Amino acid sequence: MIKAVASACLLGMKTRYDGGTNEDPEIVEMFKRGEIIPICPEQLGGLPTPREPFEFVGGDGEALLEGRAYLKGLNTGRDGSENFLRGAREVLRIVKLAGIEKAYLKEGSPSCGVNWVHIEGNLVRGCGVTAALLKRAGIEVEGRLPPSSVREK
């Protein structure tokens, strides 16, 4: 029985911005038991893999939802906010259609970060746009695999 969605990179799928993975053995086992639907908000929002990295300017995912921040491509400087918003809305649609109440999301991601994101060059407390939208909808979100600089602290 499906119980949650999870960032696809946590299942070992090559969906990270650089084409890599962030495999989490516990999430993989849940998937094998049929409990997880993999999602990648960036891909659902129309971004390719690999893709340029993005970071927040002006705030985190909550601020982006409120129109007070945006997501800037680190290579081109382009505003990718609409792609990230579209992906977050698609994830929420999947969650609602499947009756899911929990999400396991990759920390540090501009979409999936639950407690940690990059804002203007710094790894700080905050949430990604998908995590923020799911929280607003009453979905329980759990951050997985924090960035290495956070794990060391």
N, C-alpha and C. Protein backbone atom coordinates (compact mmCIF):
# COMPACT_ATOMS: atom_id res chain seq x y z
N MET A 1 0.82 -1.19 0.00
CA MET A 1 0.00 0.00 0.00
C MET A 1 0.87 1.26 0.00
N ILE A 2 0.57 2.19 -0.87
CA ILE A 2 1.35 3.42 -0.97
C ILE A 2 1.08 4.29 0.25
N LYS A 3 2.18 4.72 0.89
CA LYS A 3 2.07 5.53 2.10
C LYS A 3 2.65 6.93 1.93
N ALA A 4 3.55 7.11 0.93
CA ALA A 4 4.27 8.38 0.84
C ALA A 4 4.80 8.62 -0.56
N VAL A 5 5.23 9.86 -0.79
CA VAL A 5 6.05 10.18 -1.96
C VAL A 5 7.46 10.40 -1.43
N ALA A 6 8.43 10.26 -2.32
CA ALA A 6 9.82 10.51 -1.93
C ALA A 6 10.56 11.11 -3.12
N SER A 7 11.52 11.98 -2.82
CA SER A 7 12.39 12.50 -3.86
C SER A 7 13.00 11.33 -4.61
N ALA A 8 12.88 11.33 -5.92
CA ALA A 8 13.35 10.21 -6.74
C ALA A 8 14.85 9.95 -6.55
N CYS A 9 15.63 10.99 -6.30
CA CYS A 9 17.07 10.80 -6.11
C CYS A 9 17.36 9.94 -4.89
N LEU A 10 16.45 9.93 -3.90
CA LEU A 10 16.63 9.11 -2.70
C LEU A 10 16.47 7.62 -3.01
N LEU A 11 15.87 7.31 -4.15
CA LEU A 11 15.70 5.93 -4.57
C LEU A 11 16.85 5.47 -5.48
N GLY A 12 17.84 6.33 -5.66
CA GLY A 12 18.96 6.00 -6.52
C GLY A 12 18.73 6.38 -7.97
N MET A 13 17.63 7.08 -8.25
CA MET A 13 17.37 7.53 -9.62
C MET A 13 18.24 8.76 -9.91
N LYS A 14 18.75 8.82 -11.10
CA LYS A 14 19.68 9.90 -11.48
C LYS A 14 18.91 11.16 -11.86
N THR A 15 18.31 11.79 -10.85
CA THR A 15 17.47 12.97 -11.06
C THR A 15 18.05 14.23 -10.43
N ARG A 16 19.17 14.12 -9.73
CA ARG A 16 19.79 15.32 -9.16
C ARG A 16 20.15 16.30 -10.27
N TYR A 17 20.35 17.55 -9.92
CA TYR A 17 20.69 18.57 -10.91
C TYR A 17 21.91 18.18 -11.74
N ASP A 18 22.86 17.45 -11.13
CA ASP A 18 24.09 17.06 -11.84
C ASP A 18 24.00 15.66 -12.45
N GLY A 19 22.80 15.08 -12.43
CA GLY A 19 22.61 13.74 -12.98
C GLY A 19 22.98 12.64 -12.00
N GLY A 20 23.29 13.00 -10.78
CA GLY A 20 23.66 12.01 -9.76
C GLY A 20 22.47 11.55 -8.94
N THR A 21 22.78 10.83 -7.86
CA THR A 21 21.74 10.30 -6.97
C THR A 21 22.07 10.65 -5.52
N ASN A 22 21.14 10.40 -4.65
CA ASN A 22 21.32 10.56 -3.20
C ASN A 22 20.68 9.35 -2.52
N GLU A 23 21.03 8.17 -2.95
CA GLU A 23 20.35 6.96 -2.50
C GLU A 23 20.32 6.84 -0.98
N ASP A 24 19.13 6.55 -0.47
CA ASP A 24 18.87 6.35 0.95
C ASP A 24 18.32 4.92 1.09
N PRO A 25 19.10 4.01 1.68
CA PRO A 25 18.69 2.60 1.75
C PRO A 25 17.31 2.37 2.37
N GLU A 26 16.96 3.14 3.37
CA GLU A 26 15.65 2.98 4.02
C GLU A 26 14.52 3.33 3.04
N ILE A 27 14.70 4.39 2.27
CA ILE A 27 13.68 4.79 1.29
C ILE A 27 13.59 3.75 0.17
N VAL A 28 14.72 3.22 -0.24
CA VAL A 28 14.73 2.17 -1.27
C VAL A 28 13.93 0.95 -0.80
N GLU A 29 14.13 0.55 0.45
CA GLU A 29 13.38 -0.60 0.99
C GLU A 29 11.89 -0.32 1.03
N MET A 30 11.50 0.89 1.40
CA MET A 30 10.08 1.25 1.41
C MET A 30 9.50 1.17 -0.01
N PHE A 31 10.29 1.60 -0.99
CA PHE A 31 9.85 1.52 -2.39
C PHE A 31 9.67 0.06 -2.81
N LYS A 32 10.61 -0.80 -2.43
CA LYS A 32 10.51 -2.22 -2.78
C LYS A 32 9.26 -2.87 -2.19
N ARG A 33 8.81 -2.35 -1.05
CA ARG A 33 7.59 -2.87 -0.42
C ARG A 33 6.32 -2.22 -1.00
N GLY A 34 6.49 -1.34 -1.98
CA GLY A 34 5.34 -0.70 -2.63
C GLY A 34 4.73 0.43 -1.83
N GLU A 35 5.52 1.04 -0.94
CA GLU A 35 5.00 2.08 -0.06
C GLU A 35 5.28 3.50 -0.54
N ILE A 36 6.07 3.65 -1.59
CA ILE A 36 6.56 4.97 -2.02
C ILE A 36 6.29 5.20 -3.51
N ILE A 37 5.89 6.43 -3.83
CA ILE A 37 5.84 6.90 -5.22
C ILE A 37 7.01 7.87 -5.38
N PRO A 38 7.93 7.62 -6.32
CA PRO A 38 9.02 8.57 -6.53
C PRO A 38 8.54 9.81 -7.28
N ILE A 39 9.06 10.96 -6.87
CA ILE A 39 8.73 12.22 -7.55
C ILE A 39 10.02 13.04 -7.71
N CYS A 40 10.07 13.83 -8.77
CA CYS A 40 11.14 14.81 -8.93
C CYS A 40 10.48 16.11 -9.37
N PRO A 41 10.28 17.04 -8.44
CA PRO A 41 9.60 18.28 -8.78
C PRO A 41 10.24 19.06 -9.92
N GLU A 42 11.57 19.05 -9.98
CA GLU A 42 12.24 19.79 -11.05
C GLU A 42 11.90 19.21 -12.42
N GLN A 43 11.92 17.88 -12.52
CA GLN A 43 11.54 17.26 -13.79
C GLN A 43 10.07 17.49 -14.09
N LEU A 44 9.21 17.37 -13.08
CA LEU A 44 7.78 17.62 -13.28
C LEU A 44 7.51 19.06 -13.67
N GLY A 45 8.43 19.96 -13.31
CA GLY A 45 8.30 21.37 -13.66
C GLY A 45 8.89 21.71 -15.01
N GLY A 46 9.42 20.70 -15.71
CA GLY A 46 9.93 20.93 -17.06
C GLY A 46 11.42 21.14 -17.19
N LEU A 47 12.17 20.98 -16.10
CA LEU A 47 13.62 21.15 -16.17
C LEU A 47 14.28 19.83 -16.58
N PRO A 48 15.37 19.91 -17.35
CA PRO A 48 16.07 18.68 -17.78
C PRO A 48 16.98 18.14 -16.67
N THR A 49 17.48 16.95 -16.88
CA THR A 49 18.52 16.38 -16.03
C THR A 49 19.62 15.89 -16.96
N PRO A 50 20.86 16.33 -16.76
CA PRO A 50 21.26 17.32 -15.75
C PRO A 50 20.74 18.72 -16.10
N ARG A 51 20.83 19.60 -15.08
CA ARG A 51 20.38 20.99 -15.22
C ARG A 51 21.30 21.87 -14.39
N GLU A 52 21.27 23.15 -14.67
CA GLU A 52 22.09 24.04 -13.86
C GLU A 52 21.55 24.08 -12.43
N PRO A 53 22.43 24.30 -11.46
CA PRO A 53 21.95 24.43 -10.08
C PRO A 53 21.24 25.77 -9.90
N PHE A 54 20.26 25.79 -8.99
CA PHE A 54 19.52 27.00 -8.67
C PHE A 54 19.62 27.26 -7.18
N GLU A 55 19.55 28.54 -6.82
CA GLU A 55 19.49 28.93 -5.41
C GLU A 55 18.48 30.05 -5.25
N PHE A 56 17.98 30.18 -4.04
CA PHE A 56 17.01 31.22 -3.74
C PHE A 56 17.67 32.59 -3.62
N VAL A 57 16.93 33.60 -4.02
CA VAL A 57 17.31 34.99 -3.80
C VAL A 57 16.11 35.66 -3.13
N GLY A 58 16.35 36.26 -1.96
CA GLY A 58 15.29 36.99 -1.28
C GLY A 58 14.51 36.19 -0.25
N GLY A 59 14.82 34.93 -0.08
CA GLY A 59 14.11 34.09 0.88
C GLY A 59 14.06 32.66 0.41
N ASP A 60 13.31 31.82 1.11
CA ASP A 60 13.22 30.39 0.79
C ASP A 60 11.94 30.07 0.02
N GLY A 61 11.52 28.81 0.06
CA GLY A 61 10.33 28.37 -0.66
C GLY A 61 9.05 29.04 -0.20
N GLU A 62 8.94 29.29 1.09
CA GLU A 62 7.78 30.03 1.62
C GLU A 62 7.72 31.42 1.00
N ALA A 63 8.87 32.09 0.97
CA ALA A 63 8.93 33.45 0.40
C ALA A 63 8.62 33.42 -1.10
N LEU A 64 9.07 32.37 -1.79
CA LEU A 64 8.76 32.26 -3.22
C LEU A 64 7.25 32.10 -3.43
N LEU A 65 6.61 31.28 -2.62
CA LEU A 65 5.16 31.09 -2.73
C LEU A 65 4.41 32.41 -2.49
N GLU A 66 5.00 33.27 -1.69
CA GLU A 66 4.38 34.56 -1.38
C GLU A 66 4.81 35.66 -2.34
N GLY A 67 5.66 35.33 -3.34
CA GLY A 67 6.10 36.31 -4.31
C GLY A 67 7.20 37.24 -3.82
N ARG A 68 7.88 36.86 -2.72
CA ARG A 68 8.94 37.69 -2.16
C ARG A 68 10.34 37.20 -2.49
N ALA A 69 10.47 36.10 -3.21
CA ALA A 69 11.77 35.53 -3.55
C ALA A 69 11.68 34.91 -4.93
N TYR A 70 12.84 34.53 -5.47
CA TYR A 70 12.86 33.81 -6.74
C TYR A 70 14.03 32.84 -6.74
N LEU A 71 14.05 31.96 -7.73
CA LEU A 71 15.12 30.98 -7.88
C LEU A 71 15.98 31.35 -9.08
N LYS A 72 17.27 31.54 -8.81
CA LYS A 72 18.22 32.00 -9.83
C LYS A 72 19.15 30.86 -10.24
N GLY A 73 19.30 30.69 -11.56
CA GLY A 73 20.27 29.72 -12.07
C GLY A 73 21.68 30.21 -11.82
N LEU A 74 22.52 29.36 -11.25
CA LEU A 74 23.88 29.79 -10.90
C LEU A 74 24.78 29.94 -12.12
N ASN A 75 24.45 29.30 -13.22
CA ASN A 75 25.27 29.42 -14.43
C ASN A 75 24.81 30.56 -15.33
N THR A 76 23.51 30.72 -15.48
CA THR A 76 22.97 31.68 -16.43
C THR A 76 22.32 32.90 -15.77
N GLY A 77 21.97 32.78 -14.49
CA GLY A 77 21.27 33.85 -13.81
C GLY A 77 19.78 33.91 -14.12
N ARG A 78 19.30 32.95 -14.91
CA ARG A 78 17.88 32.98 -15.30
C ARG A 78 16.97 32.68 -14.13
N ASP A 79 15.78 33.22 -14.17
CA ASP A 79 14.76 33.00 -13.15
C ASP A 79 14.03 31.70 -13.47
N GLY A 80 14.22 30.69 -12.63
CA GLY A 80 13.58 29.39 -12.83
C GLY A 80 12.37 29.18 -11.93
N SER A 81 11.90 30.25 -11.31
CA SER A 81 10.82 30.13 -10.33
C SER A 81 9.60 29.42 -10.89
N GLU A 82 9.20 29.74 -12.11
CA GLU A 82 7.98 29.15 -12.66
C GLU A 82 8.12 27.63 -12.81
N ASN A 83 9.30 27.15 -13.22
CA ASN A 83 9.52 25.70 -13.31
C ASN A 83 9.38 25.03 -11.95
N PHE A 84 9.95 25.64 -10.93
CA PHE A 84 9.89 25.07 -9.59
C PHE A 84 8.48 25.12 -9.03
N LEU A 85 7.75 26.18 -9.29
CA LEU A 85 6.36 26.27 -8.84
C LEU A 85 5.49 25.24 -9.55
N ARG A 86 5.69 25.09 -10.86
CA ARG A 86 4.91 24.10 -11.63
C ARG A 86 5.17 22.70 -11.09
N GLY A 87 6.43 22.38 -10.82
CA GLY A 87 6.77 21.06 -10.28
C GLY A 87 6.16 20.82 -8.91
N ALA A 88 6.20 21.84 -8.06
CA ALA A 88 5.61 21.71 -6.72
C ALA A 88 4.11 21.46 -6.81
N ARG A 89 3.45 22.18 -7.71
CA ARG A 89 2.00 21.99 -7.88
C ARG A 89 1.68 20.59 -8.41
N GLU A 90 2.51 20.07 -9.29
CA GLU A 90 2.30 18.71 -9.81
C GLU A 90 2.49 17.67 -8.70
N VAL A 91 3.49 17.86 -7.86
CA VAL A 91 3.68 16.94 -6.73
C VAL A 91 2.46 16.98 -5.82
N LEU A 92 1.98 18.17 -5.52
CA LEU A 92 0.79 18.28 -4.67
C LEU A 92 -0.40 17.58 -5.33
N ARG A 93 -0.52 17.71 -6.62
CA ARG A 93 -1.61 17.04 -7.35
C ARG A 93 -1.51 15.51 -7.20
N ILE A 94 -0.31 14.97 -7.35
CA ILE A 94 -0.08 13.53 -7.20
C ILE A 94 -0.45 13.09 -5.78
N VAL A 95 0.01 13.84 -4.79
CA VAL A 95 -0.24 13.53 -3.39
C VAL A 95 -1.75 13.49 -3.12
N LYS A 96 -2.46 14.49 -3.62
CA LYS A 96 -3.91 14.53 -3.40
C LYS A 96 -4.62 13.39 -4.13
N LEU A 97 -4.25 13.13 -5.38
CA LEU A 97 -4.88 12.04 -6.14
C LEU A 97 -4.69 10.69 -5.46
N ALA A 98 -3.51 10.47 -4.89
CA ALA A 98 -3.20 9.18 -4.27
C ALA A 98 -3.60 9.12 -2.79
N GLY A 99 -4.08 10.22 -2.23
CA GLY A 99 -4.46 10.23 -0.82
C GLY A 99 -3.28 10.08 0.12
N ILE A 100 -2.14 10.61 -0.27
CA ILE A 100 -0.91 10.48 0.51
C ILE A 100 -0.83 11.59 1.56
N GLU A 101 -0.28 11.24 2.72
CA GLU A 101 -0.18 12.21 3.81
C GLU A 101 1.25 12.45 4.28
N LYS A 102 2.25 11.84 3.59
CA LYS A 102 3.65 12.00 4.01
C LYS A 102 4.56 12.09 2.80
N ALA A 103 5.64 12.87 2.96
CA ALA A 103 6.65 13.00 1.91
C ALA A 103 8.04 12.94 2.53
N TYR A 104 8.93 12.17 1.92
CA TYR A 104 10.34 12.10 2.30
C TYR A 104 11.09 12.87 1.23
N LEU A 105 11.73 13.97 1.63
CA LEU A 105 12.33 14.87 0.66
C LEU A 105 13.81 15.11 0.96
N LYS A 106 14.58 15.34 -0.10
CA LYS A 106 16.03 15.53 0.00
C LYS A 106 16.38 16.92 0.53
N GLU A 107 17.04 16.97 1.66
CA GLU A 107 17.48 18.24 2.23
C GLU A 107 18.44 18.98 1.30
N GLY A 108 18.42 20.29 1.39
CA GLY A 108 19.34 21.12 0.63
C GLY A 108 18.84 21.50 -0.75
N SER A 109 17.82 20.83 -1.23
CA SER A 109 17.28 21.07 -2.57
C SER A 109 16.38 22.30 -2.58
N PRO A 110 16.42 23.10 -3.67
CA PRO A 110 15.51 24.25 -3.76
C PRO A 110 14.05 23.83 -3.88
N SER A 111 13.80 22.59 -4.26
CA SER A 111 12.44 22.06 -4.28
C SER A 111 12.14 21.31 -2.99
N CYS A 112 13.00 20.38 -2.64
CA CYS A 112 12.69 19.39 -1.61
C CYS A 112 13.27 19.68 -0.23
N GLY A 113 14.13 20.64 -0.09
CA GLY A 113 14.69 20.92 1.23
C GLY A 113 13.59 21.15 2.26
N VAL A 114 13.65 20.46 3.37
CA VAL A 114 12.65 20.60 4.42
C VAL A 114 13.16 21.56 5.50
N ASN A 115 14.43 21.46 5.83
CA ASN A 115 15.02 22.30 6.87
C ASN A 115 16.21 23.12 6.39
N TRP A 116 16.77 22.77 5.23
CA TRP A 116 17.99 23.41 4.74
C TRP A 116 17.88 23.70 3.24
N VAL A 117 18.22 24.93 2.85
CA VAL A 117 18.28 25.33 1.44
C VAL A 117 19.43 26.32 1.25
N HIS A 118 19.75 26.57 -0.01
CA HIS A 118 20.78 27.56 -0.34
C HIS A 118 20.10 28.88 -0.71
N ILE A 119 20.46 29.92 0.04
CA ILE A 119 19.94 31.26 -0.24
C ILE A 119 21.14 32.18 -0.43
N GLU A 120 21.24 32.72 -1.64
CA GLU A 120 22.28 33.69 -1.97
C GLU A 120 23.67 33.23 -1.54
N GLY A 121 23.99 31.97 -1.90
CA GLY A 121 25.33 31.44 -1.67
C GLY A 121 25.57 30.80 -0.31
N ASN A 122 24.57 30.78 0.54
CA ASN A 122 24.75 30.21 1.88
C ASN A 122 23.75 29.09 2.14
N LEU A 123 24.22 28.03 2.79
CA LEU A 123 23.33 26.96 3.23
C LEU A 123 22.73 27.40 4.56
N VAL A 124 21.41 27.58 4.57
CA VAL A 124 20.75 28.14 5.75
C VAL A 124 19.47 27.36 6.07
N ARG A 125 18.93 27.61 7.25
CA ARG A 125 17.64 27.04 7.63
C ARG A 125 16.57 27.61 6.71
N GLY A 126 15.73 26.75 6.19
CA GLY A 126 14.65 27.17 5.31
C GLY A 126 14.12 25.96 4.59
N CYS A 127 13.10 26.17 3.76
CA CYS A 127 12.52 25.03 3.04
C CYS A 127 12.41 25.35 1.56
N GLY A 128 12.41 24.28 0.78
CA GLY A 128 12.23 24.39 -0.66
C GLY A 128 10.77 24.65 -1.00
N VAL A 129 10.53 24.96 -2.26
CA VAL A 129 9.18 25.34 -2.67
C VAL A 129 8.20 24.16 -2.60
N THR A 130 8.61 22.97 -2.98
CA THR A 130 7.71 21.81 -2.89
C THR A 130 7.43 21.48 -1.43
N ALA A 131 8.46 21.48 -0.60
CA ALA A 131 8.26 21.22 0.83
C ALA A 131 7.29 22.25 1.43
N ALA A 132 7.46 23.50 1.07
CA ALA A 132 6.59 24.56 1.60
C ALA A 132 5.14 24.35 1.16
N LEU A 133 4.94 24.02 -0.12
CA LEU A 133 3.58 23.83 -0.62
C LEU A 133 2.92 22.62 0.03
N LEU A 134 3.67 21.54 0.20
CA LEU A 134 3.11 20.35 0.86
C LEU A 134 2.76 20.64 2.31
N LYS A 135 3.63 21.35 3.01
CA LYS A 135 3.34 21.71 4.41
C LYS A 135 2.05 22.53 4.49
N ARG A 136 1.90 23.48 3.59
CA ARG A 136 0.69 24.31 3.58
C ARG A 136 -0.57 23.47 3.37
N ALA A 137 -0.42 22.36 2.65
CA ALA A 137 -1.56 21.49 2.36
C ALA A 137 -1.79 20.46 3.48
N GLY A 138 -1.00 20.54 4.54
CA GLY A 138 -1.18 19.63 5.67
C GLY A 138 -0.48 18.29 5.51
N ILE A 139 0.43 18.19 4.56
CA ILE A 139 1.19 16.95 4.34
C ILE A 139 2.40 16.95 5.27
N GLU A 140 2.64 15.84 5.93
CA GLU A 140 3.83 15.71 6.78
C GLU A 140 5.04 15.55 5.88
N VAL A 141 6.07 16.36 6.11
CA VAL A 141 7.30 16.26 5.31
C VAL A 141 8.47 15.93 6.22
N GLU A 142 9.32 15.04 5.75
CA GLU A 142 10.52 14.65 6.49
C GLU A 142 11.73 14.84 5.59
N GLY A 143 12.71 15.59 6.07
CA GLY A 143 13.94 15.79 5.32
C GLY A 143 14.87 14.62 5.48
N ARG A 144 15.49 14.22 4.38
CA ARG A 144 16.43 13.10 4.40
C ARG A 144 17.77 13.55 3.84
N LEU A 145 18.83 12.92 4.32
CA LEU A 145 20.19 13.13 3.84
C LEU A 145 20.56 14.60 3.75
N PRO A 146 20.77 15.24 4.89
CA PRO A 146 21.17 16.65 4.85
C PRO A 146 22.49 16.83 4.12
N PRO A 147 22.72 18.00 3.54
CA PRO A 147 24.01 18.26 2.89
C PRO A 147 25.15 17.97 3.84
N SER A 148 26.30 17.54 3.32
CA SER A 148 27.42 17.11 4.16
C SER A 148 27.87 18.20 5.11
N SER A 149 27.80 19.46 4.72
CA SER A 149 28.23 20.55 5.61
C SER A 149 27.32 20.66 6.83
N VAL A 150 26.09 20.20 6.72
CA VAL A 150 25.18 20.21 7.86
C VAL A 150 25.42 18.99 8.73
N ARG A 151 25.68 17.84 8.11
CA ARG A 151 25.89 16.60 8.85
C ARG A 151 27.09 16.72 9.79
N GLU A 152 28.10 17.50 9.40
CA GLU A 152 29.31 17.61 10.21
C GLU A 152 29.09 18.45 11.45
N LYS A 153 28.06 19.29 11.49
CA LYS A 153 27.84 20.19 12.62
C LYS A 153 27.16 19.50 13.77
